[in-house]
């Protein structure tokens, strides 16, 4: 996939597309969704990244995601400080 080539934006789109495939079971779809979200988070800043994060944020699965807190911070424009 694109993530091995560090093309995280396209990888995010690919994972989210697979997660939305009707032939994928719920558990696998959630794993793919989490991978898509992770790729979107680490992708370089761009309008496309903002669009992808917006689409992911509106998805009901985002609240169940491993990265829901981080996604919420991106969506609300909060500063993310290193711990």
N, C-alpha and C. Protein backbone atom coordinates (compact mmCIF):
# COMPACT_ATOMS: atom_id res chain seq x y z
N UNK A 1 0.84 -1.20 0.00
CA UNK A 1 0.00 0.00 0.00
C UNK A 1 0.87 1.25 0.00
N UNK A 2 0.20 2.35 -0.11
CA UNK A 2 0.89 3.64 -0.19
C UNK A 2 1.62 3.99 1.10
N UNK A 3 1.18 3.43 2.24
CA UNK A 3 1.83 3.80 3.50
C UNK A 3 3.27 3.32 3.55
N UNK A 4 3.59 2.20 2.90
CA UNK A 4 4.97 1.73 2.88
C UNK A 4 5.86 2.64 2.04
N UNK A 5 5.24 3.44 1.18
CA UNK A 5 5.97 4.41 0.36
C UNK A 5 5.91 5.81 0.97
N UNK A 6 5.35 5.88 2.16
CA UNK A 6 5.18 7.14 2.90
C UNK A 6 4.26 8.13 2.19
N UNK A 7 3.37 7.60 1.40
CA UNK A 7 2.34 8.41 0.75
C UNK A 7 1.08 8.27 1.60
N UNK A 8 1.13 8.89 2.77
CA UNK A 8 0.10 8.67 3.79
C UNK A 8 -1.28 9.19 3.40
N UNK A 9 -1.32 10.24 2.61
CA UNK A 9 -2.62 10.77 2.19
C UNK A 9 -3.37 9.76 1.34
N UNK A 10 -2.70 9.21 0.34
CA UNK A 10 -3.34 8.20 -0.51
C UNK A 10 -3.60 6.91 0.26
N UNK A 11 -2.72 6.58 1.19
CA UNK A 11 -2.94 5.39 2.01
C UNK A 11 -4.20 5.55 2.85
N UNK A 12 -4.40 6.74 3.41
CA UNK A 12 -5.60 7.00 4.22
C UNK A 12 -6.86 6.81 3.39
N UNK A 13 -6.86 7.35 2.18
CA UNK A 13 -8.02 7.20 1.29
C UNK A 13 -8.25 5.73 0.97
N UNK A 14 -7.18 5.00 0.70
CA UNK A 14 -7.31 3.58 0.38
C UNK A 14 -7.87 2.77 1.54
N UNK A 15 -7.34 3.00 2.74
CA UNK A 15 -7.84 2.27 3.91
C UNK A 15 -9.30 2.60 4.21
N UNK A 16 -9.66 3.86 4.11
CA UNK A 16 -11.05 4.25 4.39
C UNK A 16 -11.98 3.66 3.34
N UNK A 17 -11.55 3.64 2.09
CA UNK A 17 -12.36 3.02 1.03
C UNK A 17 -12.58 1.55 1.32
N UNK A 18 -11.53 0.85 1.71
CA UNK A 18 -11.66 -0.57 2.04
C UNK A 18 -12.55 -0.77 3.27
N UNK A 19 -12.44 0.12 4.24
CA UNK A 19 -13.26 0.02 5.45
C UNK A 19 -14.74 0.19 5.14
N UNK A 20 -15.05 0.90 4.05
CA UNK A 20 -16.44 1.12 3.67
C UNK A 20 -16.98 0.07 2.70
N UNK A 21 -16.14 -0.89 2.33
CA UNK A 21 -16.55 -1.96 1.41
C UNK A 21 -17.57 -2.87 2.10
N UNK A 22 -18.65 -3.15 1.42
CA UNK A 22 -19.74 -3.97 1.98
C UNK A 22 -19.31 -5.41 2.24
N UNK A 23 -18.28 -5.89 1.55
CA UNK A 23 -17.83 -7.28 1.69
C UNK A 23 -16.88 -7.49 2.87
N UNK A 24 -16.52 -6.43 3.57
CA UNK A 24 -15.58 -6.51 4.68
C UNK A 24 -16.37 -6.64 5.99
N UNK A 25 -15.95 -7.61 6.83
CA UNK A 25 -16.66 -7.79 8.10
C UNK A 25 -16.37 -6.62 9.04
N UNK A 26 -17.19 -6.46 10.06
CA UNK A 26 -17.14 -5.28 10.94
C UNK A 26 -15.80 -5.13 11.65
N UNK A 27 -15.23 -6.21 12.12
CA UNK A 27 -13.96 -6.13 12.85
C UNK A 27 -12.82 -5.67 11.92
N UNK A 28 -12.77 -6.25 10.75
CA UNK A 28 -11.75 -5.87 9.77
C UNK A 28 -11.97 -4.43 9.32
N UNK A 29 -13.22 -4.05 9.13
CA UNK A 29 -13.54 -2.68 8.72
C UNK A 29 -13.04 -1.68 9.76
N UNK A 30 -13.18 -2.01 11.03
CA UNK A 30 -12.72 -1.10 12.09
C UNK A 30 -11.20 -1.01 12.09
N UNK A 31 -10.52 -2.13 11.87
CA UNK A 31 -9.06 -2.11 11.78
C UNK A 31 -8.60 -1.24 10.61
N UNK A 32 -9.25 -1.39 9.47
CA UNK A 32 -8.92 -0.59 8.30
C UNK A 32 -9.22 0.89 8.55
N UNK A 33 -10.32 1.16 9.23
CA UNK A 33 -10.68 2.54 9.58
C UNK A 33 -9.59 3.16 10.46
N UNK A 34 -9.13 2.42 11.47
CA UNK A 34 -8.06 2.92 12.34
C UNK A 34 -6.77 3.17 11.57
N UNK A 35 -6.44 2.29 10.64
CA UNK A 35 -5.25 2.49 9.82
C UNK A 35 -5.41 3.73 8.94
N UNK A 36 -6.59 3.92 8.38
CA UNK A 36 -6.85 5.10 7.57
C UNK A 36 -6.73 6.38 8.38
N UNK A 37 -7.25 6.36 9.58
CA UNK A 37 -7.16 7.52 10.45
C UNK A 37 -5.71 7.81 10.83
N UNK A 38 -4.96 6.76 11.16
CA UNK A 38 -3.55 6.95 11.52
C UNK A 38 -2.77 7.55 10.35
N UNK A 39 -3.02 7.05 9.15
CA UNK A 39 -2.34 7.60 7.97
C UNK A 39 -2.74 9.05 7.73
N UNK A 40 -4.00 9.36 7.92
CA UNK A 40 -4.46 10.74 7.73
C UNK A 40 -3.80 11.68 8.74
N UNK A 41 -3.65 11.22 9.97
CA UNK A 41 -3.05 12.05 11.02
C UNK A 41 -1.59 12.37 10.70
N UNK A 42 -0.84 11.39 10.19
CA UNK A 42 0.58 11.62 9.94
C UNK A 42 0.87 12.18 8.54
N UNK A 43 -0.16 12.32 7.72
CA UNK A 43 0.06 12.87 6.39
C UNK A 43 0.40 14.36 6.49
N UNK A 44 1.12 14.88 5.49
CA UNK A 44 1.50 16.28 5.54
C UNK A 44 0.29 17.21 5.45
N UNK A 45 0.42 18.37 6.03
CA UNK A 45 -0.67 19.35 6.03
C UNK A 45 -1.04 19.72 4.60
N UNK A 46 -2.34 19.69 4.31
CA UNK A 46 -2.85 20.08 2.99
C UNK A 46 -4.36 20.18 3.06
N UNK A 47 -4.95 20.73 2.02
CA UNK A 47 -6.41 20.78 1.96
C UNK A 47 -6.99 19.37 1.89
N UNK A 48 -6.29 18.48 1.20
CA UNK A 48 -6.77 17.10 1.08
C UNK A 48 -6.78 16.41 2.44
N UNK A 49 -5.74 16.64 3.25
CA UNK A 49 -5.71 16.06 4.60
C UNK A 49 -6.90 16.56 5.40
N UNK A 50 -7.17 17.84 5.33
CA UNK A 50 -8.31 18.41 6.06
C UNK A 50 -9.61 17.78 5.61
N UNK A 51 -9.76 17.56 4.32
CA UNK A 51 -10.98 16.93 3.80
C UNK A 51 -11.12 15.50 4.29
N UNK A 52 -10.02 14.76 4.26
CA UNK A 52 -10.05 13.37 4.71
C UNK A 52 -10.40 13.31 6.20
N UNK A 53 -9.76 14.14 7.01
CA UNK A 53 -10.05 14.15 8.44
C UNK A 53 -11.50 14.55 8.71
N UNK A 54 -12.03 15.45 7.92
CA UNK A 54 -13.43 15.86 8.07
C UNK A 54 -14.37 14.70 7.77
N UNK A 55 -14.08 13.97 6.71
CA UNK A 55 -14.90 12.80 6.35
C UNK A 55 -14.83 11.75 7.46
N UNK A 56 -13.63 11.50 7.95
CA UNK A 56 -13.45 10.52 9.01
C UNK A 56 -14.17 10.96 10.28
N UNK A 57 -14.07 12.24 10.61
CA UNK A 57 -14.70 12.77 11.83
C UNK A 57 -16.22 12.60 11.80
N UNK A 58 -16.82 12.71 10.62
CA UNK A 58 -18.27 12.59 10.49
C UNK A 58 -18.74 11.13 10.53
N UNK A 59 -17.83 10.20 10.35
CA UNK A 59 -18.16 8.78 10.37
C UNK A 59 -18.44 8.33 11.80
N UNK A 60 -19.48 7.56 12.01
CA UNK A 60 -19.85 7.09 13.35
C UNK A 60 -18.75 6.27 14.01
N UNK A 61 -17.95 5.60 13.22
CA UNK A 61 -16.87 4.78 13.78
C UNK A 61 -15.77 5.62 14.42
N UNK A 62 -15.72 6.90 14.11
CA UNK A 62 -14.65 7.74 14.65
C UNK A 62 -14.68 7.80 16.17
N UNK A 63 -15.86 7.70 16.75
CA UNK A 63 -15.99 7.74 18.21
C UNK A 63 -15.47 6.46 18.86
N UNK A 64 -15.40 5.37 18.09
CA UNK A 64 -14.91 4.10 18.60
C UNK A 64 -13.44 3.87 18.25
N UNK A 65 -12.87 4.79 17.51
CA UNK A 65 -11.50 4.64 17.01
C UNK A 65 -10.47 4.74 18.13
N UNK A 66 -9.33 4.10 17.88
CA UNK A 66 -8.21 4.18 18.81
C UNK A 66 -7.71 5.61 18.97
N UNK A 67 -7.91 6.41 17.96
CA UNK A 67 -7.37 7.77 17.94
C UNK A 67 -8.47 8.83 18.00
N UNK A 68 -9.58 8.51 18.62
CA UNK A 68 -10.72 9.44 18.64
C UNK A 68 -10.39 10.75 19.34
N UNK A 69 -9.62 10.71 20.43
CA UNK A 69 -9.26 11.94 21.13
C UNK A 69 -8.40 12.85 20.26
N UNK A 70 -7.44 12.26 19.58
CA UNK A 70 -6.57 13.03 18.70
C UNK A 70 -7.36 13.60 17.52
N UNK A 71 -8.25 12.80 16.95
CA UNK A 71 -9.08 13.27 15.84
C UNK A 71 -9.95 14.44 16.29
N UNK A 72 -10.50 14.35 17.48
CA UNK A 72 -11.33 15.43 18.01
C UNK A 72 -10.52 16.72 18.14
N UNK A 73 -9.27 16.60 18.56
CA UNK A 73 -8.42 17.79 18.68
C UNK A 73 -8.14 18.40 17.31
N UNK A 74 -7.89 17.57 16.31
CA UNK A 74 -7.69 18.07 14.95
C UNK A 74 -8.96 18.78 14.46
N UNK A 75 -10.09 18.16 14.69
CA UNK A 75 -11.37 18.68 14.18
C UNK A 75 -11.75 20.00 14.84
N UNK A 76 -11.41 20.16 16.10
CA UNK A 76 -11.77 21.38 16.81
C UNK A 76 -10.68 22.43 16.79
N UNK A 77 -9.53 22.10 16.18
CA UNK A 77 -8.45 23.08 16.04
C UNK A 77 -7.65 23.29 17.31
N UNK A 78 -7.69 22.33 18.23
CA UNK A 78 -6.92 22.45 19.46
C UNK A 78 -5.44 22.23 19.17
N UNK A 79 -4.60 22.87 19.94
CA UNK A 79 -3.16 22.66 19.82
C UNK A 79 -2.81 21.32 20.45
N UNK A 80 -1.93 20.61 19.81
CA UNK A 80 -1.48 19.33 20.32
C UNK A 80 -0.05 19.51 20.79
N UNK A 81 0.13 19.37 22.09
CA UNK A 81 1.45 19.61 22.69
C UNK A 81 2.11 18.27 23.01
N UNK A 82 3.43 18.21 22.86
CA UNK A 82 4.11 16.97 23.24
C UNK A 82 4.01 16.77 24.75
N UNK A 83 3.95 15.52 25.14
CA UNK A 83 3.82 15.25 26.58
C UNK A 83 5.16 15.17 27.26
